[in-house]
Amino acid sequence: MSLTHVRSLLPEAFIQQARQLLGDETPAFLASYDAPRAYGLRFNPIKLPPQQWNGDQRFHALTQMFGLEPIDWCKTGFYYNEEVRPGKHPYHAAGLYYIQEPSAMSAAEALEAQPGETILDLAAAPGGKTTQIAGAMQNQGLLIANEIHPARAKILSENVERCGFRNTVVTCATPDQLSERFPVFFDRIMLDAPCSGEGMFRKDADAIAEWSPAHVELCAARQADILVHAARMLKPGGRLVYSTCTFNRAENEDAIAAFLEAFPTFRLEHTERLWPHQCKGEGHFVAVLTKSTAEEEHASADSSLASPQPRSKSKRGDRRSGGKPSGGQTSLSAEMALFDAFAQEALPGLELGAGEPLRFGDALYWLPSDAERRFGSSALHGLKVVRPGLHLGDMRTKRIEPAHALAVAMPASAAARIVSYSPDAPELAAFLRGEALHAPDASNGWTLIAVDGLPVGWAKASENQLKNHLPKGLRRLS
């Protein structure tokens, strides 16, 4: 929902700043704060590739239902009408689209992520840019999505899971921890920097209350520090995209100018500003930088710089989120044999891609690898990891119970058994509430439940019933 009478809440120092930035355009800029907000969503190309939109009934149904209109700066982005609630539609639970502020979509587009690359989203929560990057990568290569705040990292992980991405690792680490671990490692880095949030004023009263010139200075200092660590992790020839949802020069042009002075091996390709009085969006700043290939000779002279650096062990040992890695190679081989047997029976079309199995407590994951196979489980030692790739399932006595993440990561074609309902089917609503379904004709075994062919979770068919295995935290109350 939009706030009302935002113009009257704006700090006088912010208004003076706007006059210095915009001159004659200031009245139009300030008036935009009392104008209606724009709302956007992005289609997930893993679930529905753009080349299939024209002939897809789901796409056409949503276009009419939500009043979708294309967003100029994002190939998969669309505006939707304020009165609709796309987050309540079953397609959202299936990961068909991600709800995101329209102008924020510009930054990940500028990154130009490619399949097979190794990419870092350094300040990633809640996941808008991560899911946009992962979609462009087509589940190929390695994406590390990092968020320093644990609660926000959990939300980030949940969004990665809902969208069905298999090549994404979610970490909860500081920039210095990552730069120590991954020097000269990434092809591209996205840094949507923590900022003073001037582009949030139209929807967040707290952002207005927290704003001050001193807060802007504090944010600029923090951004400068994060940029240093980003620079250390980028490969020669790599691309760094820096973005904020704020308007002042200190956190934008001035931050980039200071960075370029400190790091002459970087070159500014271009910057762009989206202003709320000039476009349908809250506003965004984007700077695209590339790292000179002149460092290649130095990097190749010390190949250790181009691989993840192991952490020296302390007496306390290595800590990982989600429990400690369990069992040795023999145990892991036995567990993967159980999973392979499950997959052969329930998911004969399963394709995991490059990577390795990894166990955290009772949970079995598939950890993705980079194209050069330099990234593996040892690279995560000592880091807090929220999601080490695709959650395959949880170990039980001599069997494996498939994870919800595995269900939503699979295309319908991979499953041996799938039951698909229309979005308005009462059976689908019952499943999303966590109820068992009557299914007299269902074959026994693990079965994907889907909405119009898009998996939303697991059920286990037995005794004329589809027993619900949707996680309790995802079940709808009504």
Protein backbone atom coordinates (compact mmCIF):
# COMPACT_ATOMS: atom_id res chain seq x y z
CA MET A 1 0.00 0.00 0.00
CA SER A 2 1.15 3.56 -0.70
CA LEU A 3 1.53 6.07 2.11
CA THR A 4 -0.58 9.21 1.84
CA HIS A 5 0.60 12.82 2.11
CA VAL A 6 4.25 11.75 1.95
CA ARG A 7 5.29 15.17 0.64
CA SER A 8 4.39 16.75 3.98
CA LEU A 9 6.59 14.24 5.84
CA LEU A 10 9.81 14.86 3.88
CA PRO A 11 12.69 16.37 5.91
CA GLU A 12 13.67 19.90 4.91
CA ALA A 13 17.30 18.83 4.41
CA PHE A 14 16.11 16.21 1.93
CA ILE A 15 14.09 18.83 0.03
CA GLN A 16 17.14 21.10 -0.16
CA GLN A 17 19.20 18.17 -1.43
CA ALA A 18 16.61 17.54 -4.14
CA ARG A 19 16.79 21.18 -5.26
CA GLN A 20 20.57 20.91 -5.62
CA LEU A 21 20.27 17.70 -7.64
CA LEU A 22 17.30 18.51 -9.84
CA GLY A 23 16.88 22.28 -10.07
CA ASP A 24 13.74 23.07 -12.07
CA GLU A 25 12.59 19.45 -11.89
CA THR A 26 12.32 19.56 -8.10
CA PRO A 27 8.56 20.34 -7.93
CA ALA A 28 7.76 17.37 -10.18
CA PHE A 29 10.06 15.13 -8.15
CA LEU A 30 8.51 16.13 -4.83
CA ALA A 31 4.99 15.80 -6.23
CA SER A 32 5.78 12.21 -7.21
CA TYR A 33 5.82 11.25 -3.53
CA ASP A 34 2.06 11.80 -3.35
CA ALA A 35 1.40 10.02 -6.66
CA PRO A 36 0.23 6.37 -6.74
CA ARG A 37 2.96 3.75 -6.58
CA ALA A 38 3.79 1.37 -9.40
CA TYR A 39 3.72 -2.38 -8.74
CA GLY A 40 5.74 -4.99 -10.59
CA LEU A 41 6.46 -8.67 -11.01
CA ARG A 42 8.98 -10.69 -13.00
CA PHE A 43 8.28 -13.99 -14.69
CA ASN A 44 10.68 -16.78 -13.78
CA PRO A 45 12.33 -17.97 -17.02
CA ILE A 46 13.12 -21.33 -15.40
CA LYS A 47 9.40 -21.96 -15.01
CA LEU A 48 8.24 -20.26 -18.21
CA PRO A 49 10.81 -19.15 -20.82
CA PRO A 50 9.91 -15.89 -22.62
CA GLN A 51 9.93 -17.64 -25.99
CA GLN A 52 6.94 -19.68 -24.80
CA TRP A 53 4.82 -16.76 -23.57
CA ASN A 54 2.81 -16.23 -26.74
CA GLY A 55 1.31 -19.69 -26.75
CA ASP A 56 1.00 -20.20 -23.00
CA GLN A 57 -2.47 -20.03 -21.44
CA ARG A 58 -1.03 -19.31 -17.97
CA PHE A 59 0.75 -16.21 -19.26
CA HIS A 60 -2.32 -14.96 -21.07
CA ALA A 61 -4.56 -15.63 -18.06
CA LEU A 62 -2.30 -13.59 -15.78
CA THR A 63 -1.99 -10.80 -18.35
CA GLN A 64 -5.74 -10.34 -18.27
CA MET A 65 -6.24 -11.02 -14.55
CA PHE A 66 -3.46 -8.69 -13.34
CA GLY A 67 -3.59 -6.11 -16.15
CA LEU A 68 0.06 -6.73 -17.00
CA GLU A 69 2.04 -4.12 -18.94
CA PRO A 70 5.73 -4.52 -19.94
CA ILE A 71 8.48 -2.74 -18.00
CA ASP A 72 10.86 -1.06 -20.44
CA TRP A 73 14.14 -1.91 -18.69
CA CYS A 74 13.46 -5.56 -17.78
CA LYS A 75 12.76 -8.26 -20.37
CA THR A 76 10.79 -10.41 -17.92
CA GLY A 77 9.21 -7.58 -15.90
CA PHE A 78 5.62 -6.33 -15.92
CA TYR A 79 3.54 -3.76 -14.08
CA TYR A 80 0.37 -5.05 -12.46
CA ASN A 81 -2.73 -3.27 -11.16
CA GLU A 82 -2.59 -2.13 -7.54
CA GLU A 83 -5.90 -3.74 -6.59
CA VAL A 84 -4.82 -7.30 -7.48
CA ARG A 85 -2.90 -9.55 -5.08
CA PRO A 86 -0.53 -11.74 -7.12
CA GLY A 87 1.05 -13.13 -3.95
CA LYS A 88 -2.16 -15.01 -3.19
CA HIS A 89 -2.38 -16.78 -6.56
CA PRO A 90 -1.22 -20.43 -6.61
CA TYR A 91 1.18 -19.59 -9.45
CA HIS A 92 3.16 -17.55 -6.92
CA ALA A 93 3.52 -20.57 -4.63
CA ALA A 94 4.80 -22.47 -7.67
CA GLY A 95 7.50 -19.84 -8.31
CA LEU A 96 6.15 -18.69 -11.67
CA TYR A 97 6.88 -15.06 -10.83
CA TYR A 98 8.58 -12.85 -8.26
CA ILE A 99 6.96 -9.64 -6.97
CA GLN A 100 9.45 -6.77 -7.13
CA GLU A 101 9.51 -2.98 -7.26
CA PRO A 102 9.84 -2.10 -10.98
CA SER A 103 12.85 0.23 -10.94
CA ALA A 104 14.83 -2.24 -8.81
CA MET A 105 14.78 -4.64 -11.76
CA SER A 106 17.20 -2.38 -13.66
CA ALA A 107 20.31 -3.35 -11.66
CA ALA A 108 20.34 -7.10 -12.28
CA GLU A 109 19.60 -6.49 -15.96
CA ALA A 110 22.77 -4.37 -16.11
CA LEU A 111 24.80 -7.25 -14.66
CA GLU A 112 24.13 -9.28 -17.86
CA ALA A 113 24.55 -12.63 -16.10
CA GLN A 114 25.25 -15.60 -18.38
CA PRO A 115 24.70 -19.36 -17.96
CA GLY A 116 27.75 -21.17 -16.60
CA GLU A 117 29.35 -18.19 -14.87
CA THR A 118 30.37 -17.80 -11.23
CA ILE A 119 28.46 -14.88 -9.71
CA LEU A 120 28.08 -13.25 -6.30
CA ASP A 121 25.12 -11.24 -5.04
CA LEU A 122 26.83 -9.62 -2.09
CA ALA A 123 23.88 -7.99 -0.27
CA ALA A 124 21.09 -10.14 -1.58
CA ALA A 125 18.00 -10.12 0.67
CA PRO A 126 15.12 -10.35 0.16
CA GLY A 127 16.06 -11.97 -3.15
CA GLY A 128 14.76 -9.86 -6.02
CA LYS A 129 18.11 -9.46 -7.71
CA THR A 130 19.26 -12.97 -6.76
CA THR A 131 16.24 -14.58 -8.42
CA GLN A 132 16.63 -12.33 -11.45
CA ILE A 133 20.30 -13.30 -11.81
CA ALA A 134 19.59 -16.99 -11.23
CA GLY A 135 16.92 -16.91 -13.91
CA ALA A 136 19.38 -15.45 -16.41
CA MET A 137 21.89 -18.18 -15.50
CA GLN A 138 19.36 -20.90 -16.37
CA ASN A 139 20.49 -23.08 -13.44
CA GLN A 140 23.98 -23.32 -14.98
CA GLY A 141 27.10 -22.22 -13.12
CA LEU A 142 27.33 -21.07 -9.52
CA LEU A 143 25.51 -18.21 -7.78
CA ILE A 144 26.38 -17.30 -4.19
CA ALA A 145 23.72 -15.09 -2.61
CA ASN A 146 24.88 -13.49 0.63
CA GLU A 147 23.00 -11.61 3.32
CA ILE A 148 24.65 -10.50 6.55
CA HIS A 149 21.47 -10.37 8.67
CA PRO A 150 20.26 -13.87 9.69
CA ALA A 151 16.52 -13.13 9.59
CA ARG A 152 16.79 -11.57 6.14
CA ALA A 153 19.05 -14.41 4.96
CA LYS A 154 16.27 -16.83 5.89
CA ILE A 155 13.78 -14.88 3.74
CA LEU A 156 16.32 -14.85 0.91
CA SER A 157 16.69 -18.62 1.15
CA GLU A 158 12.92 -19.12 1.12
CA ASN A 159 12.57 -17.06 -2.05
CA VAL A 160 15.36 -18.99 -3.77
CA GLU A 161 13.59 -22.21 -2.83
CA ARG A 162 10.14 -21.08 -4.00
CA CYS A 163 11.52 -20.09 -7.39
CA GLY A 164 13.12 -23.51 -7.86
CA PHE A 165 16.76 -22.55 -8.43
CA ARG A 166 19.30 -25.36 -8.17
CA ASN A 167 22.59 -23.50 -8.67
CA THR A 168 22.32 -21.08 -5.74
CA VAL A 169 24.12 -21.17 -2.39
CA VAL A 170 22.85 -18.81 0.34
CA THR A 171 25.37 -17.58 2.90
CA CYS A 172 25.15 -15.30 5.93
CA ALA A 173 28.61 -13.74 6.09
CA THR A 174 30.35 -10.40 6.31
CA PRO A 175 31.98 -8.95 3.18
CA ASP A 176 35.44 -9.36 4.69
CA GLN A 177 34.78 -13.04 5.43
CA LEU A 178 33.82 -13.59 1.81
CA SER A 179 36.72 -11.61 0.33
CA GLU A 180 39.18 -13.58 2.46
CA ARG A 181 37.61 -16.83 1.26
CA PHE A 182 37.02 -15.98 -2.42
CA PRO A 183 39.77 -13.68 -3.76
CA VAL A 184 39.72 -13.12 -7.54
CA PHE A 185 36.95 -15.70 -7.89
CA PHE A 186 33.77 -14.25 -9.44
CA ASP A 187 32.98 -13.40 -13.05
CA ARG A 188 30.33 -10.90 -11.97
CA ILE A 189 29.32 -9.29 -8.68
CA MET A 190 26.03 -7.61 -7.86
CA LEU A 191 26.20 -5.11 -5.02
CA ASP A 192 22.82 -3.61 -4.22
CA ALA A 193 24.32 -1.65 -1.37
CA PRO A 194 22.62 -0.95 1.97
CA CYS A 195 21.64 2.70 1.67
CA SER A 196 19.62 5.57 3.16
CA GLY A 197 16.55 4.41 1.23
CA GLU A 198 15.33 7.68 -0.25
CA GLY A 199 13.55 5.65 -2.90
CA MET A 200 11.58 3.88 -0.16
CA PHE A 201 9.89 7.01 1.19
CA ARG A 202 6.67 6.53 -0.77
CA LYS A 203 5.99 3.17 0.88
CA ASP A 204 7.92 3.16 4.17
CA ALA A 205 7.40 5.79 6.86
CA ASP A 206 10.30 4.34 8.88
CA ALA A 207 12.69 5.16 6.03
CA ILE A 208 11.62 8.81 6.26
CA ALA A 209 12.00 8.86 10.05
CA GLU A 210 15.49 7.34 9.90
CA TRP A 211 16.80 9.69 7.21
CA SER A 212 19.25 12.46 8.04
CA PRO A 213 22.42 13.90 6.48
CA ALA A 214 24.40 12.06 9.16
CA HIS A 215 22.70 8.79 8.20
CA VAL A 216 23.64 9.41 4.57
CA GLU A 217 27.29 9.85 5.58
CA LEU A 218 27.18 6.65 7.63
CA CYS A 219 25.74 4.71 4.68
CA ALA A 220 28.36 6.13 2.31
CA ALA A 221 31.18 5.02 4.61
CA ARG A 222 29.72 1.53 4.87
CA GLN A 223 29.30 1.31 1.10
CA ALA A 224 32.93 2.30 0.55
CA ASP A 225 34.06 -0.56 2.78
CA ILE A 226 31.84 -3.11 1.03
CA LEU A 227 33.09 -1.98 -2.39
CA VAL A 228 36.68 -2.69 -1.33
CA HIS A 229 35.80 -6.30 -0.60
CA ALA A 230 33.83 -6.63 -3.83
CA ALA A 231 36.86 -5.42 -5.78
CA ARG A 232 39.04 -8.10 -4.23
CA MET A 233 36.68 -10.89 -5.23
CA LEU A 234 36.20 -9.97 -8.90
CA LYS A 235 38.22 -11.65 -11.63
CA PRO A 236 40.17 -9.55 -14.14
CA GLY A 237 37.78 -8.69 -16.95
CA GLY A 238 34.82 -9.16 -14.60
CA ARG A 239 31.80 -6.92 -14.16
CA LEU A 240 30.68 -5.20 -10.96
CA VAL A 241 27.25 -3.60 -10.77
CA TYR A 242 26.71 -1.19 -7.89
CA SER A 243 23.19 0.00 -7.16
CA THR A 244 21.16 1.83 -4.52
CA CYS A 245 17.55 2.83 -4.02
CA THR A 246 18.59 6.32 -2.95
CA PHE A 247 19.13 9.64 -4.78
CA ASN A 248 21.93 11.64 -3.10
CA ARG A 249 25.30 11.91 -4.80
CA ALA A 250 27.30 10.85 -1.72
CA GLU A 251 26.01 7.27 -1.95
CA ASN A 252 26.02 7.18 -5.74
CA GLU A 253 28.30 9.19 -8.05
CA ASP A 254 30.63 10.29 -5.25
CA ALA A 255 30.93 6.73 -3.96
CA ILE A 256 31.88 5.47 -7.41
CA ALA A 257 34.36 8.32 -7.99
CA ALA A 258 36.14 7.57 -4.71
CA PHE A 259 36.21 3.86 -5.52
CA LEU A 260 37.72 4.44 -8.98
CA GLU A 261 40.41 6.66 -7.48
CA ALA A 262 41.32 3.92 -5.00
CA PHE A 263 41.10 1.12 -7.60
CA PRO A 264 42.49 2.36 -10.93
CA THR A 265 42.21 -1.14 -12.43
CA PHE A 266 38.44 -0.56 -12.61
CA ARG A 267 36.70 1.34 -15.38
CA LEU A 268 33.26 2.94 -15.24
CA GLU A 269 31.19 1.74 -18.20
CA HIS A 270 28.07 3.77 -17.49
CA THR A 271 25.64 4.96 -14.84
CA GLU A 272 21.90 5.36 -14.97
CA ARG A 273 19.34 6.96 -12.73
CA LEU A 274 15.66 6.14 -12.63
CA TRP A 275 13.72 9.02 -11.07
CA PRO A 276 10.17 8.55 -9.75
CA HIS A 277 8.90 11.64 -11.59
CA GLN A 278 10.31 10.38 -14.90
CA CYS A 279 9.31 6.70 -14.81
CA LYS A 280 6.82 4.31 -13.24
CA GLY A 281 8.92 3.24 -10.27
CA GLU A 282 10.30 4.32 -6.90
CA GLY A 283 13.71 5.20 -8.32
CA HIS A 284 17.13 3.55 -8.52
CA PHE A 285 20.80 4.29 -9.22
CA VAL A 286 22.98 1.84 -11.16
CA ALA A 287 26.70 1.97 -11.97
CA VAL A 288 28.39 -0.63 -14.17
CA LEU A 289 32.13 -1.16 -13.69
CA THR A 290 34.60 -3.57 -15.25
CA LYS A 291 37.92 -4.75 -13.92
CA SER A 292 40.90 -4.41 -16.22
CA THR A 293 42.40 -7.57 -17.65
CA ALA A 294 45.83 -6.07 -16.89
CA GLU A 295 45.80 -8.04 -13.62
CA GLU A 296 45.65 -11.38 -15.42
CA GLU A 297 49.39 -11.89 -15.51
CA HIS A 298 49.68 -11.14 -11.80
CA ALA A 299 46.74 -13.40 -10.95
CA SER A 300 48.08 -16.33 -12.96
CA ALA A 301 51.47 -15.94 -11.31
CA ASP A 302 49.83 -16.89 -8.01
CA SER A 303 47.15 -19.43 -8.82
CA SER A 304 46.20 -19.65 -5.14
CA LEU A 305 44.51 -16.28 -5.50
CA ALA A 306 42.05 -17.73 -7.98
CA SER A 307 40.72 -20.49 -5.72
CA PRO A 308 38.69 -20.36 -2.52
CA GLN A 309 41.02 -20.05 0.44
CA PRO A 310 40.44 -22.56 3.27
CA ARG A 311 39.96 -21.18 6.72
CA SER A 312 42.58 -22.10 9.28
CA LYS A 313 41.02 -24.43 11.84
CA SER A 314 40.48 -23.27 15.39
CA LYS A 315 40.05 -25.40 18.49
CA ARG A 316 36.30 -24.92 18.22
CA GLY A 317 36.30 -26.36 14.70
CA ASP A 318 34.20 -25.34 11.75
CA ARG A 319 30.60 -24.21 12.24
CA ARG A 320 27.91 -24.39 9.59
CA SER A 321 24.29 -23.40 9.60
CA GLY A 322 21.76 -26.20 9.66
CA GLY A 323 23.94 -28.57 11.67
CA LYS A 324 27.35 -30.08 11.25
CA PRO A 325 28.32 -32.09 8.19
CA SER A 326 27.71 -35.71 9.05
CA GLY A 327 29.37 -38.95 8.10
CA GLY A 328 32.30 -39.75 5.88
CA GLN A 329 32.53 -40.55 2.20
CA THR A 330 31.26 -44.11 2.71
CA SER A 331 28.18 -42.88 4.56
CA LEU A 332 27.52 -40.19 1.96
CA SER A 333 27.81 -42.71 -0.86
CA ALA A 334 25.23 -44.91 0.86
CA GLU A 335 22.90 -41.96 1.33
CA MET A 336 23.22 -40.93 -2.31
CA ALA A 337 22.44 -44.52 -3.27
CA LEU A 338 19.19 -44.21 -1.32
CA PHE A 339 18.44 -40.93 -3.05
CA ASP A 340 19.27 -42.36 -6.48
CA ALA A 341 16.87 -45.23 -5.83
CA PHE A 342 14.15 -42.76 -4.86
CA ALA A 343 14.84 -40.62 -7.93
CA GLN A 344 14.81 -43.58 -10.29
CA GLU A 345 11.34 -44.49 -9.01
CA ALA A 346 9.78 -41.02 -8.51
CA LEU A 347 11.86 -38.59 -10.62
CA PRO A 348 13.26 -40.52 -13.59
CA GLY A 349 13.87 -37.26 -15.45
CA LEU A 350 15.98 -35.70 -12.69
CA GLU A 351 19.04 -33.66 -13.77
CA LEU A 352 21.12 -32.06 -11.01
CA GLY A 353 23.99 -30.54 -12.99
CA ALA A 354 27.61 -30.19 -11.89
CA GLY A 355 28.17 -30.49 -8.16
CA GLU A 356 28.56 -32.84 -5.23
CA PRO A 357 26.38 -34.26 -2.45
CA LEU A 358 26.63 -32.70 0.98
CA ARG A 359 24.98 -33.63 4.26
CA PHE A 360 24.04 -31.16 7.01
CA GLY A 361 22.63 -33.05 9.96
CA ASP A 362 19.84 -35.19 8.55
CA ALA A 363 19.51 -33.04 5.42
CA LEU A 364 21.03 -34.08 2.10
CA TYR A 365 21.93 -31.31 -0.36
CA TRP A 366 23.35 -31.04 -3.85
CA LEU A 367 26.09 -28.42 -3.72
CA PRO A 368 26.56 -26.78 -7.14
CA SER A 369 30.03 -26.25 -8.58
CA ASP A 370 31.52 -23.55 -10.77
CA ALA A 371 32.47 -24.32 -14.36
CA GLU A 372 36.14 -24.76 -13.46
CA ARG A 373 35.32 -27.06 -10.52
CA ARG A 374 37.25 -24.91 -8.04
CA PHE A 375 34.28 -24.60 -5.68
CA GLY A 376 33.35 -27.44 -3.36
CA SER A 377 32.30 -28.20 0.19
CA SER A 378 35.71 -27.22 1.58
CA ALA A 379 35.09 -23.64 0.41
CA LEU A 380 32.22 -23.35 2.89
CA HIS A 381 34.14 -24.43 5.99
CA GLY A 382 33.77 -21.79 8.69
CA LEU A 383 31.10 -19.81 6.86
CA LYS A 384 27.52 -19.64 8.05
CA VAL A 385 25.60 -21.31 5.24
CA VAL A 386 21.82 -21.02 5.14
CA ARG A 387 21.27 -23.04 1.97
CA PRO A 388 24.17 -25.08 0.51
CA GLY A 389 22.51 -25.61 -2.85
CA LEU A 390 19.47 -27.74 -3.60
CA HIS A 391 17.88 -29.53 -0.65
CA LEU A 392 17.33 -33.06 -1.93
CA GLY A 393 15.73 -34.61 1.12
CA ASP A 394 16.04 -35.67 4.73
CA MET A 395 17.50 -38.96 5.85
CA ARG A 396 15.24 -41.34 7.72
CA THR A 397 15.96 -44.94 8.77
CA LYS A 398 17.06 -46.66 5.56
CA ARG A 399 15.09 -44.24 3.38
CA ILE A 400 14.99 -40.64 2.25
CA GLU A 401 12.08 -38.23 2.44
CA PRO A 402 12.20 -35.80 -0.50
CA ALA A 403 12.45 -32.09 0.27
CA HIS A 404 9.90 -29.47 -0.75
CA ALA A 405 12.75 -27.63 -2.51
CA LEU A 406 13.24 -30.64 -4.77
CA ALA A 407 9.56 -30.62 -5.73
CA VAL A 408 9.46 -26.98 -6.83
CA ALA A 409 12.85 -27.25 -8.57
CA MET A 410 11.62 -30.01 -10.88
CA PRO A 411 9.80 -29.61 -14.19
CA ALA A 412 6.64 -31.66 -14.42
CA SER A 413 8.29 -33.79 -17.09
CA ALA A 414 10.82 -35.14 -14.56
CA ALA A 415 8.21 -36.88 -12.41
CA ALA A 416 6.92 -40.42 -12.69
CA ARG A 417 3.63 -39.35 -11.07
CA ILE A 418 2.06 -35.90 -11.11
CA VAL A 419 -1.45 -34.70 -10.32
CA SER A 420 -2.18 -31.25 -11.72
CA TYR A 421 -5.11 -29.01 -10.82
CA SER A 422 -6.43 -25.72 -12.15
CA PRO A 423 -5.76 -22.62 -10.01
CA ASP A 424 -9.36 -22.48 -8.78
CA ALA A 425 -9.74 -26.21 -8.07
CA PRO A 426 -10.96 -26.96 -4.52
CA GLU A 427 -8.48 -29.85 -4.36
CA LEU A 428 -5.57 -27.46 -4.93
CA ALA A 429 -6.85 -25.09 -2.24
CA ALA A 430 -7.14 -28.05 0.13
CA PHE A 431 -3.59 -29.17 -0.65
CA LEU A 432 -2.21 -25.67 -0.02
CA ARG A 433 -3.97 -25.74 3.38
CA GLY A 434 -2.11 -28.94 4.21
CA GLU A 435 -5.00 -31.36 3.78
CA ALA A 436 -4.86 -34.88 2.38
CA LEU A 437 -6.64 -35.48 -0.93
CA HIS A 438 -8.96 -38.32 -1.88
CA ALA A 439 -7.41 -40.09 -4.88
CA PRO A 440 -8.91 -43.52 -5.58
CA ASP A 441 -7.07 -43.89 -8.90
CA ALA A 442 -3.62 -42.69 -7.80
CA SER A 443 -0.66 -45.05 -8.06
CA ASN A 444 1.15 -45.56 -4.77
CA GLY A 445 4.33 -43.58 -4.21
CA TRP A 446 5.71 -40.06 -4.08
CA THR A 447 3.67 -37.77 -6.33
CA LEU A 448 4.11 -34.17 -7.41
CA ILE A 449 1.08 -31.93 -6.89
CA ALA A 450 0.95 -29.13 -9.45
CA VAL A 451 -1.08 -26.14 -10.58
CA ASP A 452 -1.43 -26.11 -14.36
CA GLY A 453 1.70 -28.25 -14.62
CA LEU A 454 3.79 -26.19 -12.16
CA PRO A 455 4.80 -28.28 -9.10
CA VAL A 456 3.80 -26.86 -5.70
CA GLY A 457 4.77 -29.76 -3.42
CA TRP A 458 4.89 -33.45 -2.60
CA ALA A 459 2.17 -35.87 -1.66
CA LYS A 460 2.51 -39.59 -1.03
CA ALA A 461 -0.16 -41.76 -2.56
CA SER A 462 -1.32 -44.64 -0.39
CA GLU A 463 -4.66 -46.32 0.34
CA ASN A 464 -6.67 -44.09 -2.01
CA GLN A 465 -5.24 -40.93 -0.50
CA LEU A 466 -2.62 -38.35 -1.38
CA LYS A 467 -1.03 -37.67 1.99
CA ASN A 468 0.09 -34.06 2.20
CA HIS A 469 3.82 -33.30 2.66
CA LEU A 470 3.68 -29.53 2.20
CA PRO A 471 5.85 -27.94 4.94
CA LYS A 472 3.71 -26.53 7.75
CA GLY A 473 5.21 -23.07 7.35
CA LEU A 474 3.97 -22.88 3.76
CA ARG A 475 0.40 -23.97 4.41
CA ARG A 476 -2.33 -21.40 3.90
CA LEU A 477 -4.74 -20.57 6.69
CA SER A 478 -7.74 -20.21 4.40
